[in-house]
Protein backbone atom coordinates (compact mmCIF):
# COMPACT_ATOMS: atom_id res chain seq x y z
CA MET A 1 273.22 116.03 86.46
CA ASN A 2 273.10 119.72 87.14
CA TYR A 3 270.28 121.16 85.15
CA THR A 4 268.46 124.34 86.29
CA LEU A 5 264.85 125.27 86.71
CA HIS A 6 265.33 127.79 83.88
CA GLN A 7 266.53 124.99 81.58
CA LEU A 8 263.50 122.91 82.51
CA GLN A 9 261.17 125.83 81.71
CA VAL A 10 262.85 126.32 78.33
CA PHE A 11 262.79 122.74 77.41
CA LEU A 12 259.11 122.30 78.46
CA LYS A 13 258.07 125.31 76.37
CA VAL A 14 260.07 123.96 73.35
CA THR A 15 258.21 120.67 73.67
CA GLN A 16 254.84 122.41 73.95
CA THR A 17 255.35 124.65 70.90
CA GLN A 18 257.72 122.31 68.91
CA SER A 19 259.50 125.45 67.79
CA ILE A 20 262.47 127.38 69.13
CA THR A 21 261.03 130.55 67.54
CA LYS A 22 257.60 130.19 69.20
CA ALA A 23 259.21 129.19 72.51
CA SER A 24 261.37 132.28 72.52
CA GLU A 25 258.36 134.50 71.80
CA GLU A 26 256.32 132.99 74.61
CA LEU A 27 259.18 133.07 77.08
CA HIS A 28 260.17 136.62 75.91
CA LEU A 29 263.74 135.46 75.24
CA THR A 30 265.86 135.68 72.08
CA GLN A 31 266.14 132.55 69.87
CA PRO A 32 269.87 132.14 70.58
CA ALA A 33 269.18 132.24 74.30
CA VAL A 34 266.63 129.48 73.94
CA SER A 35 268.95 127.47 71.71
CA ILE A 36 271.83 127.77 74.24
CA GLN A 37 269.57 126.63 77.14
CA LEU A 38 268.27 123.72 75.13
CA ARG A 39 271.80 122.65 74.08
CA ASN A 40 273.06 122.91 77.69
CA PHE A 41 270.10 120.83 78.91
CA GLN A 42 270.72 118.21 76.14
CA ASP A 43 274.42 117.96 77.08
CA GLN A 44 273.32 116.33 80.40
CA PHE A 45 271.72 113.32 78.57
CA ASP A 46 273.27 110.67 76.41
CA ILE A 47 269.92 110.16 74.61
CA PRO A 48 268.62 112.81 72.19
CA LEU A 49 265.72 114.90 73.46
CA THR A 50 264.95 116.46 70.13
CA GLU A 51 265.71 115.85 66.50
CA VAL A 52 265.43 117.97 63.29
CA VAL A 53 263.89 116.35 60.20
CA GLY A 54 263.49 118.51 57.06
CA ARG A 55 264.24 121.71 59.08
CA LYS A 56 261.39 120.84 61.42
CA LEU A 57 261.91 120.20 65.14
CA PHE A 58 260.50 116.98 66.65
CA ILE A 59 260.52 115.74 70.25
CA THR A 60 261.87 112.20 70.66
CA ASP A 61 260.01 109.64 72.82
CA PHE A 62 262.74 110.06 75.45
CA GLY A 63 262.29 113.85 75.22
CA LYS A 64 258.54 113.49 75.73
CA GLU A 65 259.10 111.49 78.93
CA ILE A 66 261.58 114.09 80.18
CA ALA A 67 259.02 116.85 79.39
CA ILE A 68 256.40 115.07 81.52
CA ALA A 69 258.91 114.91 84.41
CA ALA A 70 259.90 118.56 83.87
CA GLU A 71 256.36 119.70 84.05
CA ARG A 72 255.85 117.76 87.37
CA ILE A 73 258.99 119.38 88.80
CA LEU A 74 257.89 122.89 87.80
CA ASP A 75 254.39 122.32 89.13
CA GLU A 76 255.94 121.31 92.47
CA VAL A 77 258.14 124.38 92.53
CA ASN A 78 255.16 126.60 91.88
CA ALA A 79 253.27 124.73 94.62
CA ILE A 80 256.09 125.50 97.05
CA ASN A 81 256.06 129.13 96.15
CA LEU A 82 252.28 129.18 96.46
CA LYS A 83 252.28 127.58 99.90
CA THR A 84 254.99 130.04 101.07
CA LEU A 85 253.02 133.03 100.00
CA THR A 86 249.75 131.62 101.16
CA TYR A 87 251.23 131.08 104.59
CA LYS A 88 251.92 134.82 104.59
CA GLY A 89 248.21 135.48 103.85
CA GLN A 90 248.63 136.41 100.15
CA LEU A 91 246.61 135.12 97.21
CA THR A 92 249.26 133.85 94.83
CA GLY A 93 249.63 131.79 91.69
CA ARG A 94 249.12 132.21 87.94
CA LEU A 95 246.18 133.70 86.13
CA LYS A 96 246.22 132.60 82.48
CA LEU A 97 244.08 134.25 79.86
CA SER A 98 243.86 134.12 76.07
CA VAL A 99 242.23 137.20 74.46
CA VAL A 100 241.17 137.93 70.89
CA SER A 101 243.17 140.78 69.44
CA THR A 102 240.51 143.54 69.83
CA GLY A 103 239.93 142.38 73.36
CA LYS A 104 243.27 143.94 74.31
CA TYR A 105 241.45 147.27 74.45
CA ILE A 106 239.28 146.22 77.34
CA ILE A 107 240.79 143.33 79.31
CA PRO A 108 243.43 145.49 81.07
CA TYR A 109 240.75 147.52 82.75
CA PHE A 110 239.10 144.39 84.17
CA LEU A 111 242.47 143.18 85.46
CA ALA A 112 244.15 146.27 86.85
CA ASP A 113 242.60 146.65 90.26
CA PHE A 114 242.41 142.90 90.82
CA LEU A 115 246.19 142.55 90.27
CA LYS A 116 246.92 145.61 92.47
CA GLN A 117 244.92 143.94 95.28
CA HIS A 118 246.86 140.66 94.91
CA GLU A 119 250.48 141.46 94.06
CA GLY A 120 251.45 137.74 94.42
CA ILE A 121 249.48 136.84 91.22
CA GLU A 122 251.49 136.33 88.04
CA LEU A 123 249.50 137.24 84.90
CA ILE A 124 250.04 135.26 81.68
CA LEU A 125 248.14 137.01 78.87
CA ASP A 126 248.12 135.80 75.24
CA VAL A 127 246.63 138.18 72.67
CA THR A 128 245.89 136.42 69.42
CA ASN A 129 243.17 135.59 66.93
CA LYS A 130 239.89 133.82 67.75
CA ALA A 131 240.99 130.44 66.34
CA LYS A 132 244.15 130.34 68.56
CA VAL A 133 242.27 131.64 71.57
CA LEU A 134 239.81 128.73 71.37
CA GLU A 135 242.63 126.24 70.78
CA SER A 136 244.37 127.29 73.96
CA LEU A 137 241.06 127.07 75.80
CA GLU A 138 240.22 123.59 74.54
CA ASN A 139 243.82 122.39 75.32
CA ASN A 140 243.35 123.63 78.98
CA GLU A 141 246.26 125.95 78.60
CA VAL A 142 244.40 128.89 80.08
CA ASP A 143 241.90 129.59 82.79
CA PHE A 144 239.67 131.93 80.72
CA SER A 145 239.35 133.34 77.24
CA LEU A 146 237.87 136.63 76.13
CA VAL A 147 235.80 136.50 72.90
CA SER A 148 232.98 138.42 71.24
CA VAL A 149 231.74 135.35 69.31
CA LEU A 150 230.86 132.25 71.33
CA PRO A 151 232.26 128.97 70.03
CA VAL A 152 229.77 126.47 68.65
CA ASN A 153 231.91 123.39 68.99
CA LEU A 154 233.00 123.73 72.59
CA GLN A 155 231.04 123.30 75.82
CA VAL A 156 231.77 126.43 77.71
CA GLU A 157 230.36 128.59 80.44
CA LYS A 158 230.46 132.41 80.36
CA GLU A 159 230.38 135.65 82.17
CA ASP A 160 229.04 138.52 80.00
CA LEU A 161 231.18 141.61 80.40
CA MET A 162 230.09 144.46 78.15
CA GLN A 163 228.73 145.34 74.69
CA ASN A 164 230.91 145.29 71.56
CA LYS A 165 229.71 147.72 68.80
CA LEU A 166 230.99 147.59 65.29
CA PHE A 167 230.60 150.49 62.81
CA LEU A 168 231.44 151.12 59.18
CA VAL A 169 234.39 153.51 59.25
CA GLY A 170 236.58 155.47 56.85
CA ASN A 171 239.09 158.27 56.90
CA LYS A 172 238.21 161.91 56.38
CA GLN A 173 239.20 162.13 52.73
CA VAL A 174 235.58 161.62 51.58
CA VAL A 175 232.81 163.73 53.11
CA PHE A 176 229.68 161.74 54.23
CA ASP A 177 226.65 163.64 55.40
CA ASN A 178 224.90 162.74 58.59
CA LYS A 179 221.98 160.89 56.97
CA TYR A 180 221.77 157.15 57.26
CA TYR A 181 222.81 155.33 54.08
CA GLU A 182 221.16 152.13 52.80
CA LYS A 183 223.13 148.92 52.86
CA ASP A 184 223.84 149.11 49.16
CA ILE A 185 226.57 151.64 49.98
CA PHE A 186 228.79 148.58 50.46
CA GLU A 187 228.62 147.97 46.71
CA THR A 188 230.58 151.15 46.09
CA LEU A 189 233.15 151.05 49.02
CA PRO A 190 236.28 148.86 48.91
CA LEU A 191 236.25 146.86 52.16
CA ILE A 192 239.25 145.71 54.20
CA TYR A 193 238.76 142.43 56.09
CA ARG A 194 240.55 140.82 59.04
CA GLU A 195 242.12 137.43 58.42
CA LYS A 196 240.16 134.15 58.57
CA GLY A 197 239.81 132.97 62.15
CA SER A 198 239.20 136.52 63.43
CA GLY A 199 236.07 137.22 65.49
CA THR A 200 235.71 140.57 63.68
CA ARG A 201 235.96 138.80 60.32
CA HIS A 202 233.23 136.36 61.47
CA THR A 203 230.97 139.17 62.50
CA MET A 204 231.51 141.04 59.21
CA GLU A 205 230.78 138.00 57.14
CA LYS A 206 227.69 137.09 59.16
CA TYR A 207 226.40 140.67 58.61
CA VAL A 208 227.01 140.44 54.90
CA GLU A 209 225.42 137.07 54.53
CA GLU A 210 222.31 137.89 56.64
CA ASN A 211 221.65 141.13 54.79
CA LYS A 212 222.52 139.73 51.33
CA VAL A 213 224.89 142.60 50.75
CA SER A 214 227.22 142.73 47.74
CA VAL A 215 230.67 143.88 48.82
CA ARG A 216 233.89 144.88 47.15
CA LYS A 217 236.62 143.03 49.16
CA LYS A 218 239.76 145.06 48.77
CA MET A 219 242.36 143.29 51.02
CA GLU A 220 242.78 141.08 54.02
CA LEU A 221 245.03 142.09 56.98
CA THR A 222 246.09 140.14 60.03
CA SER A 223 245.42 142.58 62.88
CA ASN A 224 243.05 145.25 63.96
CA GLU A 225 245.87 147.78 64.07
CA ALA A 226 246.85 146.94 60.50
CA VAL A 227 243.26 147.34 59.26
CA LYS A 228 242.97 150.64 61.18
CA GLN A 229 246.17 152.09 59.62
CA ALA A 230 245.07 150.95 56.16
CA VAL A 231 241.72 152.75 56.56
CA ILE A 232 243.47 155.92 57.89
CA ALA A 233 245.78 155.83 54.87
CA GLY A 234 242.79 155.70 52.50
CA LEU A 235 243.20 152.14 51.23
CA GLY A 236 239.58 151.30 51.90
CA TYR A 237 236.82 151.09 54.51
CA SER A 238 236.09 148.48 57.18
CA ILE A 239 233.57 147.41 59.82
CA MET A 240 235.51 147.89 62.99
CA PRO A 241 234.92 147.52 66.77
CA LEU A 242 234.34 150.86 68.35
CA ILE A 243 236.50 149.90 71.41
CA GLY A 244 239.63 149.99 69.22
CA ILE A 245 239.12 153.31 67.39
CA LYS A 246 238.18 155.75 70.15
CA ASN A 247 241.30 157.99 69.76
CA GLU A 248 241.16 158.01 66.00
CA LEU A 249 237.55 159.10 66.10
CA LEU A 250 238.30 161.86 68.61
CA ASN A 251 241.32 163.24 66.76
CA GLY A 252 239.57 163.08 63.30
CA ASP A 253 241.64 160.33 61.66
CA LEU A 254 238.52 158.21 61.25
CA GLN A 255 234.80 158.82 60.85
CA ILE A 256 231.77 156.64 61.37
CA ILE A 257 229.69 156.28 58.21
CA PRO A 258 225.98 155.92 59.32
CA VAL A 259 224.35 152.90 57.67
CA ASN A 260 220.91 151.47 58.40
CA GLY A 261 221.39 148.23 60.36
CA LEU A 262 224.62 149.37 61.96
CA PRO A 263 226.16 149.18 64.44
CA ILE A 264 226.44 145.46 64.79
CA VAL A 265 226.18 144.77 68.54
CA THR A 266 227.71 141.75 70.15
CA THR A 267 228.91 141.04 73.63
CA TRP A 268 232.30 140.51 75.16
CA HIS A 269 232.22 137.19 76.97
CA LEU A 270 234.74 135.73 79.44
CA ILE A 271 234.49 131.99 78.79
CA TRP A 272 235.83 128.84 80.35
CA MET A 273 235.48 125.14 79.65
CA LYS A 274 232.44 123.55 81.23
CA GLY A 275 233.51 121.52 84.28
CA LYS A 276 236.72 123.48 84.70
CA ASN A 277 238.37 123.12 88.08
CA PHE A 278 239.39 126.59 89.03
CA SER A 279 242.56 127.40 90.93
CA PRO A 280 242.07 129.76 93.93
CA VAL A 281 243.37 132.54 91.68
CA ALA A 282 241.00 131.88 88.88
CA LYS A 283 238.02 131.56 91.29
CA ALA A 284 238.99 134.84 92.92
CA PHE A 285 239.17 136.63 89.60
CA LEU A 286 235.76 135.40 88.47
CA ASN A 287 234.22 136.43 91.78
CA TYR A 288 235.89 139.88 91.38
CA LEU A 289 234.51 140.35 87.93
CA GLN A 290 230.99 139.36 89.00
CA GLU A 291 231.05 141.96 91.82
CA GLU A 292 232.94 144.78 90.06
CA LYS A 293 232.22 144.66 86.31
CA ILE A 294 229.34 147.15 86.42
CA LYS A 295 231.49 149.71 88.26
CA ILE A 296 234.41 149.11 85.88
CA ILE A 297 232.23 149.64 82.88
CA HIS A 298 230.77 152.80 84.36
CA ASP A 299 234.19 154.20 85.34
CA LYS A 300 236.23 153.20 82.31
CA PHE A 301 233.81 152.92 79.40
CA ASN A 302 231.16 155.63 79.94
CA TRP A 303 232.26 157.21 76.61
CA PHE A 304 231.05 154.04 74.90
CA GLU A 305 227.39 155.01 75.18
CA LYS A 306 227.86 158.25 73.18
CA PHE A 307 228.11 156.27 69.92
């Protein structure tokens, strides 16, 4: 047999995602490239590793056994690389994080200097919705997750990072004066929601329920950017995290509509499963955050307090 480490990586990712499309996305490869590597790997075995039933990919029992072996081999290879770089006095390894979509506006600032200090660290960062973030955390696929709404069904520990403020926003087509409106303003404004499973959606719905507000739900979109562009275009209004609309507020594309009871203030939490055994890299990152987060917030997010 003459399989390569790259083929092992591709096959393992296919078994984890049970999808060539998803595997290609996570590996940052084209679907044809993944298919070719999978086929070349399969050609070295007389027994099928995968099978397609009703256009859906399944991993055979033999394939599952090979996947376990592949993971062990790749872990050993990573260990060899780690020992080599550690011998040279470098902190090395992988730091794996899953981040809710609006968290992409803050997490780079908490990572930048840490990664500059430790160039041997490989960052794996998955930006997705809250439901998938918590799924990857529960499956032990990541070291940490960044959320603004703590999970209720998982036992986690946390490090609080910074405030998250959510305001009612609209474009500049309608003039609102500077007075604070009562909550019944929501009865007259068409609202744009994030998709189910989103932390922003959860926060909006909790606000509506707790305040017994009648709302006009206009539409539902699957990303913060999509909601933002829809609001700018005049399709409706939304309750949005301040962290993701700074530039649009400054250049006049969006305006904050003052409403009594807003902003909604939550907290960005870095969370991990209770009892998690940290790698040296994960432990170093957590220590770095605990020591540097106040300075990072002051240096990078001082504009936040103006709103």
